[in-house]
Amino acid sequence: EELPQGVLPVGRFDLARIADVNDLRNGIGTLADGMAPLREEAQVQKLMKLIGEAREQKQTPVLSSSRDGVALGLAPWSLFEMASVACVSVLAAGTKLGTVYLGSHRFANGWKSIFLGV
């Protein structure tokens, strides 16, 4: 089967066939690994697009670095885990035009988070 331009064959990730959490972890890891070669270029392109939008508005683009995250409650009155990622936002005239997420991280338990950034 021929894939559309820009689509990579990174393995089959069929949600209907996930039997357990290990299947999900493996599928996410495969997807993240397949996207890795494209990540940096996509992030740079997105940042340049946002900077261009600010300049089109005759504004000085301002880059703001930050961390974004979420606390994941695993069970009531139990453990919480934090998922976080470094971010760069582009602002113009006090308005956020967009954010690019910069990282991916493999956790000790085998989870690999995916940050496509676009």
PDB file of N, CA and C in Angstrom:
ATOM      1  N   GLU A   1       0.849  -1.175   0.000  1.00  0.00           N
ATOM      2  CA  GLU A   1       0.000   0.000   0.000  1.00  0.00           C
ATOM      3  C   GLU A   1       0.895   1.238   0.000  1.00  0.00           C
ATOM      4  N   GLU A   2       0.614   2.150  -0.911  1.00  0.00           N
ATOM      5  CA  GLU A   2       1.407   3.376  -1.022  1.00  0.00           C
ATOM      6  C   GLU A   2       0.935   4.394   0.019  1.00  0.00           C
ATOM      7  N   LEU A   3       1.913   4.966   0.732  1.00  0.00           N
ATOM      8  CA  LEU A   3       1.601   5.947   1.772  1.00  0.00           C
ATOM      9  C   LEU A   3       1.653   7.355   1.204  1.00  0.00           C
ATOM     10  N   PRO A   4       0.831   8.269   1.718  1.00  0.00           N
ATOM     11  CA  PRO A   4       0.885   9.661   1.267  1.00  0.00           C
ATOM     12  C   PRO A   4       2.245  10.281   1.579  1.00  0.00           C
ATOM     13  N   GLN A   5       2.605  11.311   0.846  1.00  0.00           N
ATOM     14  CA  GLN A   5       3.864  12.005   1.073  1.00  0.00           C
ATOM     15  C   GLN A   5       3.915  12.520   2.507  1.00  0.00           C
ATOM     16  N   GLY A   6       5.050  12.321   3.167  1.00  0.00           N
ATOM     17  CA  GLY A   6       5.217  12.783   4.535  1.00  0.00           C
ATOM     18  C   GLY A   6       4.769  11.796   5.593  1.00  0.00           C
ATOM     19  N   VAL A   7       4.225  10.650   5.188  1.00  0.00           N
ATOM     20  CA  VAL A   7       3.790   9.629   6.133  1.00  0.00           C
ATOM     21  C   VAL A   7       4.819   8.508   6.135  1.00  0.00           C
ATOM     22  N   LEU A   8       5.290   8.155   7.319  1.00  0.00           N
ATOM     23  CA  LEU A   8       6.296   7.111   7.450  1.00  0.00           C
ATOM     24  C   LEU A   8       5.671   5.824   7.958  1.00  0.00           C
ATOM     25  N   PRO A   9       6.140   4.685   7.449  1.00  0.00           N
ATOM     26  CA  PRO A   9       5.670   3.411   7.997  1.00  0.00           C
ATOM     27  C   PRO A   9       6.408   3.120   9.300  1.00  0.00           C
ATOM     28  N   VAL A  10       5.814   3.438  10.442  1.00  0.00           N
ATOM     29  CA  VAL A  10       6.494   3.283  11.726  1.00  0.00           C
ATOM     30  C   VAL A  10       5.988   2.067  12.492  1.00  0.00           C
ATOM     31  N   GLY A  11       5.275   1.212  11.865  1.00  0.00           N
ATOM     32  CA  GLY A  11       4.749   0.035  12.542  1.00  0.00           C
ATOM     33  C   GLY A  11       3.257   0.155  12.726  1.00  0.00           C
ATOM     34  N   ARG A  12       2.640  -0.978  12.954  1.00  0.00           N
ATOM     35  CA  ARG A  12       1.196  -1.004  13.099  1.00  0.00           C
ATOM     36  C   ARG A  12       0.817  -0.724  14.547  1.00  0.00           C
ATOM     37  N   PHE A  13      -0.092   0.194  14.752  1.00  0.00           N
ATOM     38  CA  PHE A  13      -0.553   0.560  16.085  1.00  0.00           C
ATOM     39  C   PHE A  13      -2.065   0.533  16.043  1.00  0.00           C
ATOM     40  N   ASP A  14      -2.629  -0.652  16.205  1.00  0.00           N
ATOM     41  CA  ASP A  14      -4.061  -0.868  16.077  1.00  0.00           C
ATOM     42  C   ASP A  14      -4.704  -0.854  17.465  1.00  0.00           C
ATOM     43  N   LEU A  15      -5.435   0.232  17.757  1.00  0.00           N
ATOM     44  CA  LEU A  15      -6.050   0.376  19.079  1.00  0.00           C
ATOM     45  C   LEU A  15      -7.009  -0.755  19.409  1.00  0.00           C
ATOM     46  N   ALA A  16      -7.626  -1.344  18.403  1.00  0.00           N
ATOM     47  CA  ALA A  16      -8.590  -2.415  18.646  1.00  0.00           C
ATOM     48  C   ALA A  16      -7.906  -3.695  19.116  1.00  0.00           C
ATOM     49  N   ARG A  17      -6.602  -3.800  18.909  1.00  0.00           N
ATOM     50  CA  ARG A  17      -5.889  -5.028  19.261  1.00  0.00           C
ATOM     51  C   ARG A  17      -5.032  -4.895  20.519  1.00  0.00           C
ATOM     52  N   ILE A  18      -5.182  -3.830  21.264  1.00  0.00           N
ATOM     53  CA  ILE A  18      -4.403  -3.662  22.484  1.00  0.00           C
ATOM     54  C   ILE A  18      -4.988  -4.558  23.562  1.00  0.00           C
ATOM     55  N   ALA A  19      -4.171  -5.522  24.026  1.00  0.00           N
ATOM     56  CA  ALA A  19      -4.629  -6.477  25.016  1.00  0.00           C
ATOM     57  C   ALA A  19      -4.327  -6.022  26.438  1.00  0.00           C
ATOM     58  N   ASP A  20      -3.235  -5.299  26.613  1.00  0.00           N
ATOM     59  CA  ASP A  20      -2.858  -4.866  27.958  1.00  0.00           C
ATOM     60  C   ASP A  20      -1.986  -3.617  27.868  1.00  0.00           C
ATOM     61  N   VAL A  21      -1.566  -3.133  29.036  1.00  0.00           N
ATOM     62  CA  VAL A  21      -0.790  -1.901  29.088  1.00  0.00           C
ATOM     63  C   VAL A  21       0.560  -2.055  28.383  1.00  0.00           C
ATOM     64  N   ASN A  22       1.117  -3.252  28.365  1.00  0.00           N
ATOM     65  CA  ASN A  22       2.391  -3.461  27.671  1.00  0.00           C
ATOM     66  C   ASN A  22       2.252  -3.269  26.164  1.00  0.00           C
ATOM     67  N   ASP A  23       1.125  -3.711  25.597  1.00  0.00           N
ATOM     68  CA  ASP A  23       0.863  -3.464  24.174  1.00  0.00           C
ATOM     69  C   ASP A  23       0.809  -1.967  23.896  1.00  0.00           C
ATOM     70  N   LEU A  24       0.145  -1.240  24.776  1.00  0.00           N
ATOM     71  CA  LEU A  24       0.040   0.208  24.620  1.00  0.00           C
ATOM     72  C   LEU A  24       1.420   0.853  24.708  1.00  0.00           C
ATOM     73  N   ARG A  25       2.209   0.461  25.711  1.00  0.00           N
ATOM     74  CA  ARG A  25       3.560   1.010  25.859  1.00  0.00           C
ATOM     75  C   ARG A  25       4.410   0.736  24.625  1.00  0.00           C
ATOM     76  N   ASN A  26       4.355  -0.489  24.122  1.00  0.00           N
ATOM     77  CA  ASN A  26       5.141  -0.842  22.933  1.00  0.00           C
ATOM     78  C   ASN A  26       4.692  -0.042  21.720  1.00  0.00           C
ATOM     79  N   GLY A  27       3.387   0.118  21.560  1.00  0.00           N
ATOM     80  CA  GLY A  27       2.869   0.886  20.429  1.00  0.00           C
ATOM     81  C   GLY A  27       3.281   2.345  20.501  1.00  0.00           C
ATOM     82  N   ILE A  28       3.195   2.933  21.677  1.00  0.00           N
ATOM     83  CA  ILE A  28       3.600   4.334  21.848  1.00  0.00           C
ATOM     84  C   ILE A  28       5.095   4.484  21.604  1.00  0.00           C
ATOM     85  N   GLY A  29       5.886   3.541  22.109  1.00  0.00           N
ATOM     86  CA  GLY A  29       7.329   3.578  21.881  1.00  0.00           C
ATOM     87  C   GLY A  29       7.678   3.483  20.412  1.00  0.00           C
ATOM     88  N   THR A  30       6.994   2.602  19.687  1.00  0.00           N
ATOM     89  CA  THR A  30       7.230   2.457  18.253  1.00  0.00           C
ATOM     90  C   THR A  30       6.873   3.735  17.506  1.00  0.00           C
ATOM     91  N   LEU A  31       5.746   4.320  17.858  1.00  0.00           N
ATOM     92  CA  LEU A  31       5.319   5.568  17.229  1.00  0.00           C
ATOM     93  C   LEU A  31       6.323   6.685  17.505  1.00  0.00           C
ATOM     94  N   ALA A  32       6.746   6.820  18.761  1.00  0.00           N
ATOM     95  CA  ALA A  32       7.699   7.866  19.128  1.00  0.00           C
ATOM     96  C   ALA A  32       9.028   7.677  18.415  1.00  0.00           C
ATOM     97  N   ASP A  33       9.512   6.447  18.366  1.00  0.00           N
ATOM     98  CA  ASP A  33      10.786   6.174  17.689  1.00  0.00           C
ATOM     99  C   ASP A  33      10.693   6.470  16.194  1.00  0.00           C
ATOM    100  N   GLY A  34       9.556   6.170  15.588  1.00  0.00           N
ATOM    101  CA  GLY A  34       9.375   6.433  14.165  1.00  0.00           C
ATOM    102  C   GLY A  34       9.303   7.921  13.843  1.00  0.00           C
ATOM    103  N   MET A  35       8.793   8.711  14.779  1.00  0.00           N
ATOM    104  CA  MET A  35       8.674  10.151  14.567  1.00  0.00           C
ATOM    105  C   MET A  35       9.961  10.908  14.899  1.00  0.00           C
ATOM    106  N   ALA A  36      10.858  10.303  15.654  1.00  0.00           N
ATOM    107  CA  ALA A  36      12.066  10.983  16.141  1.00  0.00           C
ATOM    108  C   ALA A  36      12.875  11.673  15.042  1.00  0.00           C
ATOM    109  N   PRO A  37      13.111  11.042  13.885  1.00  0.00           N
ATOM    110  CA  PRO A  37      13.913  11.717  12.861  1.00  0.00           C
ATOM    111  C   PRO A  37      13.264  12.994  12.313  1.00  0.00           C
ATOM    112  N   LEU A  38      11.965  13.134  12.450  1.00  0.00           N
ATOM    113  CA  LEU A  38      11.245  14.286  11.904  1.00  0.00           C
ATOM    114  C   LEU A  38      11.001  15.383  12.929  1.00  0.00           C
ATOM    115  N   ARG A  39      11.200  15.076  14.203  1.00  0.00           N
ATOM    116  CA  ARG A  39      10.777  15.959  15.287  1.00  0.00           C
ATOM    117  C   ARG A  39      11.467  17.322  15.243  1.00  0.00           C
ATOM    118  N   GLU A  40      12.803  17.336  15.205  1.00  0.00           N
ATOM    119  CA  GLU A  40      13.512  18.609  15.290  1.00  0.00           C
ATOM    120  C   GLU A  40      13.174  19.520  14.112  1.00  0.00           C
ATOM    121  N   GLU A  41      13.134  18.969  12.914  1.00  0.00           N
ATOM    122  CA  GLU A  41      12.807  19.785  11.744  1.00  0.00           C
ATOM    123  C   GLU A  41      11.398  20.373  11.856  1.00  0.00           C
ATOM    124  N   ALA A  42      10.453  19.571  12.319  1.00  0.00           N
ATOM    125  CA  ALA A  42       9.074  20.057  12.477  1.00  0.00           C
ATOM    126  C   ALA A  42       9.002  21.158  13.538  1.00  0.00           C
ATOM    127  N   GLN A  43       9.768  21.011  14.613  1.00  0.00           N
ATOM    128  CA  GLN A  43       9.771  22.027  15.664  1.00  0.00           C
ATOM    129  C   GLN A  43      10.343  23.343  15.147  1.00  0.00           C
ATOM    130  N   VAL A  44      11.444  23.260  14.420  1.00  0.00           N
ATOM    131  CA  VAL A  44      12.061  24.477  13.870  1.00  0.00           C
ATOM    132  C   VAL A  44      11.117  25.148  12.879  1.00  0.00           C
ATOM    133  N   GLN A  45      10.490  24.358  12.002  1.00  0.00           N
ATOM    134  CA  GLN A  45       9.553  24.922  11.029  1.00  0.00           C
ATOM    135  C   GLN A  45       8.394  25.625  11.726  1.00  0.00           C
ATOM    136  N   LYS A  46       7.862  25.013  12.787  1.00  0.00           N
ATOM    137  CA  LYS A  46       6.749  25.620  13.511  1.00  0.00           C
ATOM    138  C   LYS A  46       7.178  26.928  14.179  1.00  0.00           C
ATOM    139  N   LEU A  47       8.361  26.940  14.817  1.00  0.00           N
ATOM    140  CA  LEU A  47       8.853  28.171  15.438  1.00  0.00           C
ATOM    141  C   LEU A  47       9.035  29.273  14.406  1.00  0.00           C
ATOM    142  N   MET A  48       9.631  28.936  13.261  1.00  0.00           N
ATOM    143  CA  MET A  48       9.852  29.940  12.227  1.00  0.00           C
ATOM    144  C   MET A  48       8.525  30.468  11.675  1.00  0.00           C
ATOM    145  N   LYS A  49       7.528  29.595  11.562  1.00  0.00           N
ATOM    146  CA  LYS A  49       6.208  30.028  11.102  1.00  0.00           C
ATOM    147  C   LYS A  49       5.595  31.020  12.093  1.00  0.00           C
ATOM    148  N   LEU A  50       5.689  30.715  13.379  1.00  0.00           N
ATOM    149  CA  LEU A  50       5.126  31.601  14.400  1.00  0.00           C
ATOM    150  C   LEU A  50       5.867  32.939  14.447  1.00  0.00           C
ATOM    151  N   ILE A  51       7.183  32.905  14.316  1.00  0.00           N
ATOM    152  CA  ILE A  51       7.968  34.144  14.279  1.00  0.00           C
ATOM    153  C   ILE A  51       7.577  34.964  13.049  1.00  0.00           C
ATOM    154  N   GLY A  52       7.379  34.292  11.927  1.00  0.00           N
ATOM    155  CA  GLY A  52       6.938  34.975  10.704  1.00  0.00           C
ATOM    156  C   GLY A  52       5.576  35.628  10.869  1.00  0.00           C
ATOM    157  N   GLU A  53       4.671  34.957  11.581  1.00  0.00           N
ATOM    158  CA  GLU A  53       3.347  35.536  11.841  1.00  0.00           C
ATOM    159  C   GLU A  53       3.469  36.826  12.642  1.00  0.00           C
ATOM    160  N   ALA A  54       4.358  36.828  13.643  1.00  0.00           N
ATOM    161  CA  ALA A  54       4.557  38.040  14.448  1.00  0.00           C
ATOM    162  C   ALA A  54       5.085  39.168  13.574  1.00  0.00           C
ATOM    163  N   ARG A  55       6.030  38.870  12.711  1.00  0.00           N
ATOM    164  CA  ARG A  55       6.612  39.900  11.853  1.00  0.00           C
ATOM    165  C   ARG A  55       5.604  40.419  10.831  1.00  0.00           C
ATOM    166  N   GLU A  56       4.726  39.534  10.348  1.00  0.00           N
ATOM    167  CA  GLU A  56       3.676  39.967   9.424  1.00  0.00           C
ATOM    168  C   GLU A  56       2.745  40.972  10.094  1.00  0.00           C
ATOM    169  N   GLN A  57       2.590  40.853  11.398  1.00  0.00           N
ATOM    170  CA  GLN A  57       1.754  41.782  12.164  1.00  0.00           C
ATOM    171  C   GLN A  57       2.527  43.040  12.557  1.00  0.00           C
ATOM    172  N   LYS A  58       3.745  43.158  12.022  1.00  0.00           N
ATOM    173  CA  LYS A  58       4.620  44.305  12.329  1.00  0.00           C
ATOM    174  C   LYS A  58       4.938  44.369  13.827  1.00  0.00           C
ATOM    175  N   GLN A  59       5.053  43.206  14.453  1.00  0.00           N
ATOM    176  CA  GLN A  59       5.362  43.112  15.878  1.00  0.00           C
ATOM    177  C   GLN A  59       6.725  42.449  16.058  1.00  0.00           C
ATOM    178  N   THR A  60       7.360  42.735  17.181  1.00  0.00           N
ATOM    179  CA  THR A  60       8.595  42.059  17.544  1.00  0.00           C
ATOM    180  C   THR A  60       8.235  40.743  18.211  1.00  0.00           C
ATOM    181  N   PRO A  61       8.675  39.608  17.657  1.00  0.00           N
ATOM    182  CA  PRO A  61       8.365  38.332  18.300  1.00  0.00           C
ATOM    183  C   PRO A  61       9.135  38.191  19.607  1.00  0.00           C
ATOM    184  N   VAL A  62       8.476  37.675  20.607  1.00  0.00           N
ATOM    185  CA  VAL A  62       9.088  37.409  21.908  1.00  0.00           C
ATOM    186  C   VAL A  62       9.022  35.906  22.134  1.00  0.00           C
ATOM    187  N   LEU A  63      10.167  35.301  22.456  1.00  0.00           N
ATOM    188  CA  LEU A  63      10.215  33.873  22.755  1.00  0.00           C
ATOM    189  C   LEU A  63      10.202  33.691  24.268  1.00  0.00           C
ATOM    190  N   SER A  64       9.353  32.818  24.737  1.00  0.00           N
ATOM    191  CA  SER A  64       9.222  32.550  26.165  1.00  0.00           C
ATOM    192  C   SER A  64       9.412  31.056  26.393  1.00  0.00           C
ATOM    193  N   SER A  65      10.399  30.702  27.216  1.00  0.00           N
ATOM    194  CA  SER A  65      10.600  29.285  27.529  1.00  0.00           C
ATOM    195  C   SER A  65       9.889  28.965  28.837  1.00  0.00           C
ATOM    196  N   SER A  66       9.360  27.760  28.909  1.00  0.00           N
ATOM    197  CA  SER A  66       8.616  27.352  30.103  1.00  0.00           C
ATOM    198  C   SER A  66       8.565  25.836  30.173  1.00  0.00           C
ATOM    199  N   ARG A  67       7.847  25.367  31.165  1.00  0.00           N
ATOM    200  CA  ARG A  67       7.598  23.942  31.335  1.00  0.00           C
ATOM    201  C   ARG A  67       6.091  23.756  31.415  1.00  0.00           C
ATOM    202  N   ASP A  68       5.608  22.764  30.743  1.00  0.00           N
ATOM    203  CA  ASP A  68       4.192  22.442  30.802  1.00  0.00           C
ATOM    204  C   ASP A  68       4.088  21.048  31.393  1.00  0.00           C
ATOM    205  N   GLY A  69       3.034  20.781  32.098  1.00  0.00           N
ATOM    206  CA  GLY A  69       2.929  19.453  32.678  1.00  0.00           C
ATOM    207  C   GLY A  69       1.557  19.169  33.215  1.00  0.00           C
ATOM    208  N   VAL A  70       1.404  17.949  33.667  1.00  0.00           N
ATOM    209  CA  VAL A  70       0.145  17.502  34.230  1.00  0.00           C
ATOM    210  C   VAL A  70       0.456  16.480  35.321  1.00  0.00           C
ATOM    211  N   ALA A  71      -0.327  16.503  36.394  1.00  0.00           N
ATOM    212  CA  ALA A  71      -0.212  15.493  37.445  1.00  0.00           C
ATOM    213  C   ALA A  71      -1.196  14.379  37.123  1.00  0.00           C
ATOM    214  N   LEU A  72      -0.706  13.176  37.099  1.00  0.00           N
ATOM    215  CA  LEU A  72      -1.539  12.022  36.775  1.00  0.00           C
ATOM    216  C   LEU A  72      -1.844  11.253  38.053  1.00  0.00           C
ATOM    217  N   GLY A  73      -3.088  11.267  38.468  1.00  0.00           N
ATOM    218  CA  GLY A  73      -3.484  10.497  39.653  1.00  0.00           C
ATOM    219  C   GLY A  73      -3.691   9.054  39.261  1.00  0.00           C
ATOM    220  N   LEU A  74      -2.944   8.165  39.891  1.00  0.00           N
ATOM    221  CA  LEU A  74      -3.022   6.753  39.523  1.00  0.00           C
ATOM    222  C   LEU A  74      -4.178   6.033  40.206  1.00  0.00           C
ATOM    223  N   ALA A  75      -4.554   6.492  41.374  1.00  0.00           N
ATOM    224  CA  ALA A  75      -5.690   5.912  42.091  1.00  0.00           C
ATOM    225  C   ALA A  75      -6.105   6.913  43.165  1.00  0.00           C
ATOM    226  N   PRO A  76      -7.352   6.882  43.578  1.00  0.00           N
ATOM    227  CA  PRO A  76      -7.760   7.811  44.637  1.00  0.00           C
ATOM    228  C   PRO A  76      -6.908   7.618  45.890  1.00  0.00           C
ATOM    229  N   TRP A  77      -6.439   8.716  46.443  1.00  0.00           N
ATOM    230  CA  TRP A  77      -5.630   8.722  47.666  1.00  0.00           C
ATOM    231  C   TRP A  77      -4.373   7.883  47.501  1.00  0.00           C
ATOM    232  N   SER A  78      -3.788   7.917  46.316  1.00  0.00           N
ATOM    233  CA  SER A  78      -2.618   7.093  46.041  1.00  0.00           C
ATOM    234  C   SER A  78      -1.525   7.950  45.424  1.00  0.00           C
ATOM    235  N   LEU A  79      -0.756   7.346  44.565  1.00  0.00           N
ATOM    236  CA  LEU A  79       0.385   8.008  43.937  1.00  0.00           C
ATOM    237  C   LEU A  79      -0.035   8.979  42.841  1.00  0.00           C
ATOM    238  N   PHE A  80       0.796   9.982  42.655  1.00  0.00           N
ATOM    239  CA  PHE A  80       0.662  10.879  41.512  1.00  0.00           C
ATOM    240  C   PHE A  80       1.979  10.864  40.769  1.00  0.00           C
ATOM    241  N   GLU A  81       1.923  10.901  39.467  1.00  0.00           N
ATOM    242  CA  GLU A  81       3.125  11.036  38.653  1.00  0.00           C
ATOM    243  C   GLU A  81       3.007  12.330  37.871  1.00  0.00           C
ATOM    244  N   MET A  82       4.136  12.942  37.621  1.00  0.00           N
ATOM    245  CA  MET A  82       4.167  14.180  36.841  1.00  0.00           C
ATOM    246  C   MET A  82       4.676  13.883  35.437  1.00  0.00           C
ATOM    247  N   ALA A  83       3.972  14.391  34.471  1.00  0.00           N
ATOM    248  CA  ALA A  83       4.439  14.352  33.089  1.00  0.00           C
ATOM    249  C   ALA A  83       4.715  15.803  32.705  1.00  0.00           C
ATOM    250  N   SER A  84       5.921  16.085  32.234  1.00  0.00           N
ATOM    251  CA  SER A  84       6.238  17.476  31.900  1.00  0.00           C
ATOM    252  C   SER A  84       7.126  17.531  30.664  1.00  0.00           C
ATOM    253  N   VAL A  85       7.164  18.718  30.068  1.00  0.00           N
ATOM    254  CA  VAL A  85       7.937  18.921  28.849  1.00  0.00           C
ATOM    255  C   VAL A  85       8.370  20.380  28.786  1.00  0.00           C
ATOM    256  N   ALA A  86       9.541  20.623  28.216  1.00  0.00           N
ATOM    257  CA  ALA A  86      10.000  21.990  27.985  1.00  0.00           C
ATOM    258  C   ALA A  86       9.261  22.565  26.785  1.00  0.00           C
ATOM    259  N   CYS A  87       8.955  23.860  26.845  1.00  0.00           N
ATOM    260  CA  CYS A  87       8.182  24.524  25.792  1.00  0.00           C
ATOM    261  C   CYS A  87       8.849  25.832  25.390  1.00  0.00           C
ATOM    262  N   VAL A  88       8.615  26.247  24.161  1.00  0.00           N
ATOM    263  CA  VAL A  88       8.952  27.595  23.716  1.00  0.00           C
ATOM    264  C   VAL A  88       7.688  28.174  23.091  1.00  0.00           C
ATOM    265  N   SER A  89       7.231  29.305  23.639  1.00  0.00           N
ATOM    266  CA  SER A  89       6.054  29.985  23.097  1.00  0.00           C
ATOM    267  C   SER A  89       6.510  31.236  22.356  1.00  0.00           C
ATOM    268  N   VAL A  90       5.766  31.602  21.324  1.00  0.00           N
ATOM    269  CA  VAL A  90       6.027  32.829  20.575  1.00  0.00           C
ATOM    270  C   VAL A  90       4.874  33.781  20.852  1.00  0.00           C
ATOM    271  N   LEU A  91       5.232  34.995  21.320  1.00  0.00           N
ATOM    272  CA  LEU A  91       4.249  36.025  21.625  1.00  0.00           C
ATOM    273  C   LEU A  91       4.485  37.237  20.743  1.00  0.00           C
ATOM    274  N   ALA A  92       3.413  37.958  20.475  1.00  0.00           N
ATOM    275  CA  ALA A  92       3.487  39.218  19.735  1.00  0.00           C
ATOM    276  C   ALA A  92       2.413  40.134  20.292  1.00  0.00           C
ATOM    277  N   ALA A  93       2.802  41.345  20.657  1.00  0.00           N
ATOM    278  CA  ALA A  93       1.882  42.333  21.220  1.00  0.00           C
ATOM    279  C   ALA A  93       1.104  41.774  22.398  1.00  0.00           C
ATOM    280  N   GLY A  94       1.771  40.963  23.220  1.00  0.00           N
ATOM    281  CA  GLY A  94       1.143  40.415  24.409  1.00  0.00           C
ATOM    282  C   GLY A  94       0.232  39.231  24.171  1.00  0.00           C
ATOM    283  N   THR A  95       0.149  38.748  22.939  1.00  0.00           N
ATOM    284  CA  THR A  95      -0.715  37.628  22.599  1.00  0.00           C
ATOM    285  C   THR A  95       0.138  36.415  22.228  1.00  0.00           C
ATOM    286  N   LYS A  96      -0.188  35.264  22.803  1.00  0.00           N
ATOM    287  CA  LYS A  96       0.539  34.048  22.452  1.00  0.00           C
ATOM    288  C   LYS A  96       0.059  33.547  21.100  1.00  0.00           C
ATOM    289  N   LEU A  97       1.005  33.422  20.172  1.00  0.00           N
ATOM    290  CA  LEU A  97       0.676  32.935  18.833  1.00  0.00           C
ATOM    291  C   LEU A  97       0.705  31.417  18.754  1.00  0.00           C
ATOM    292  N   GLY A  98       1.510  30.800  19.594  1.00  0.00           N
ATOM    293  CA  GLY A  98       1.601  29.346  19.575  1.00  0.00           C
ATOM    294  C   GLY A  98       2.733  28.859  20.456  1.00  0.00           C
ATOM    295  N   THR A  99       2.755  27.555  20.674  1.00  0.00           N
ATOM    296  CA  THR A  99       3.758  26.926  21.521  1.00  0.00           C
ATOM    297  C   THR A  99       4.312  25.700  20.816  1.00  0.00           C
ATOM    298  N   VAL A 100       5.618  25.503  20.958  1.00  0.00           N
ATOM    299  CA  VAL A 100       6.288  24.316  20.433  1.00  0.00           C
ATOM    300  C   VAL A 100       6.820  23.530  21.627  1.00  0.00           C
ATOM    301  N   TYR A 101       6.487  22.255  21.666  1.00  0.00           N
ATOM    302  CA  TYR A 101       6.932  21.373  22.745  1.00  0.00           C
ATOM    303  C   TYR A 101       8.217  20.691  22.303  1.00  0.00           C
ATOM    304  N   LEU A 102       9.222  20.665  23.189  1.00  0.00           N
ATOM    305  CA  LEU A 102      10.577  20.359  22.758  1.00  0.00           C
ATOM    306  C   LEU A 102      11.108  18.971  23.066  1.00  0.00           C
ATOM    307  N   GLY A 103      10.515  18.203  23.918  1.00  0.00           N
ATOM    308  CA  GLY A 103      11.226  17.004  24.339  1.00  0.00           C
ATOM    309  C   GLY A 103      10.440  15.733  24.281  1.00  0.00           C
ATOM    310  N   SER A 104      11.163  14.662  24.436  1.00  0.00           N
ATOM    311  CA  SER A 104      10.563  13.359  24.685  1.00  0.00           C
ATOM    312  C   SER A 104      11.411  12.706  25.757  1.00  0.00           C
ATOM    313  N   HIS A 105      10.824  11.810  26.472  1.00  0.00           N
ATOM    314  CA  HIS A 105      11.512  11.238  27.621  1.00  0.00           C
ATOM    315  C   HIS A 105      11.090   9.794  27.782  1.00  0.00           C
ATOM    316  N   ARG A 106      12.073   8.919  27.976  1.00  0.00           N
ATOM    317  CA  ARG A 106      11.747   7.520  28.279  1.00  0.00           C
ATOM    318  C   ARG A 106      11.870   7.345  29.788  1.00  0.00           C
ATOM    319  N   PHE A 107      10.798   6.879  30.394  1.00  0.00           N
ATOM    320  CA  PHE A 107      10.761   6.704  31.829  1.00  0.00           C
ATOM    321  C   PHE A 107      11.347   5.349  32.213  1.00  0.00           C
ATOM    322  N   ALA A 108      11.725   5.210  33.467  1.00  0.00           N
ATOM    323  CA  ALA A 108      12.351   3.982  33.955  1.00  0.00           C
ATOM    324  C   ALA A 108      11.435   2.767  33.785  1.00  0.00           C
ATOM    325  N   ASN A 109      10.121   2.989  33.832  1.00  0.00           N
ATOM    326  CA  ASN A 109       9.188   1.877  33.711  1.00  0.00           C
ATOM    327  C   ASN A 109       8.884   1.496  32.266  1.00  0.00           C
ATOM    328  N   GLY A 110       9.584   2.109  31.308  1.00  0.00           N
ATOM    329  CA  GLY A 110       9.400   1.747  29.916  1.00  0.00           C
ATOM    330  C   GLY A 110       8.501   2.674  29.131  1.00  0.00           C
ATOM    331  N   TRP A 111       7.728   3.535  29.794  1.00  0.00           N
ATOM    332  CA  TRP A 111       6.879   4.484  29.084  1.00  0.00           C
ATOM    333  C   TRP A 111       7.737   5.454  28.314  1.00  0.00           C
ATOM    334  N   LYS A 112       7.326   5.800  27.143  1.00  0.00           N
ATOM    335  CA  LYS A 112       7.991   6.850  26.390  1.00  0.00           C
ATOM    336  C   LYS A 112       6.936   7.871  26.031  1.00  0.00           C
ATOM    337  N   SER A 113       7.144   9.072  26.504  1.00  0.00           N
ATOM    338  CA  SER A 113       6.190  10.122  26.203  1.00  0.00           C
ATOM    339  C   SER A 113       6.471  10.663  24.810  1.00  0.00           C
ATOM    340  N   ILE A 114       5.450  11.142  24.156  1.00  0.00           N
ATOM    341  CA  ILE A 114       5.580  11.653  22.794  1.00  0.00           C
ATOM    342  C   ILE A 114       5.262  13.120  22.802  1.00  0.00           C
ATOM    343  N   PHE A 115       6.178  13.922  22.326  1.00  0.00           N
ATOM    344  CA  PHE A 115       5.959  15.347  22.199  1.00  0.00           C
ATOM    345  C   PHE A 115       6.245  15.713  20.751  1.00  0.00           C
ATOM    346  N   LEU A 116       5.211  15.782  19.955  1.00  0.00           N
ATOM    347  CA  LEU A 116       5.403  16.075  18.539  1.00  0.00           C
ATOM    348  C   LEU A 116       5.708  17.536  18.325  1.00  0.00           C
ATOM    349  N   GLY A 117       5.180  18.384  19.136  1.00  0.00           N
ATOM    350  CA  GLY A 117       5.538  19.784  19.101  1.00  0.00           C
ATOM    351  C   GLY A 117       4.864  20.616  18.047  1.00  0.00           C
ATOM    352  N   VAL A 118       3.988  20.060  17.289  1.00  0.00           N
ATOM    353  CA  VAL A 118       3.319  20.874  16.272  1.00  0.00           C
ATOM    354  C   VAL A 118       1.817  20.663  16.346  1.00  0.00           C
TER     355      VAL A 118
END
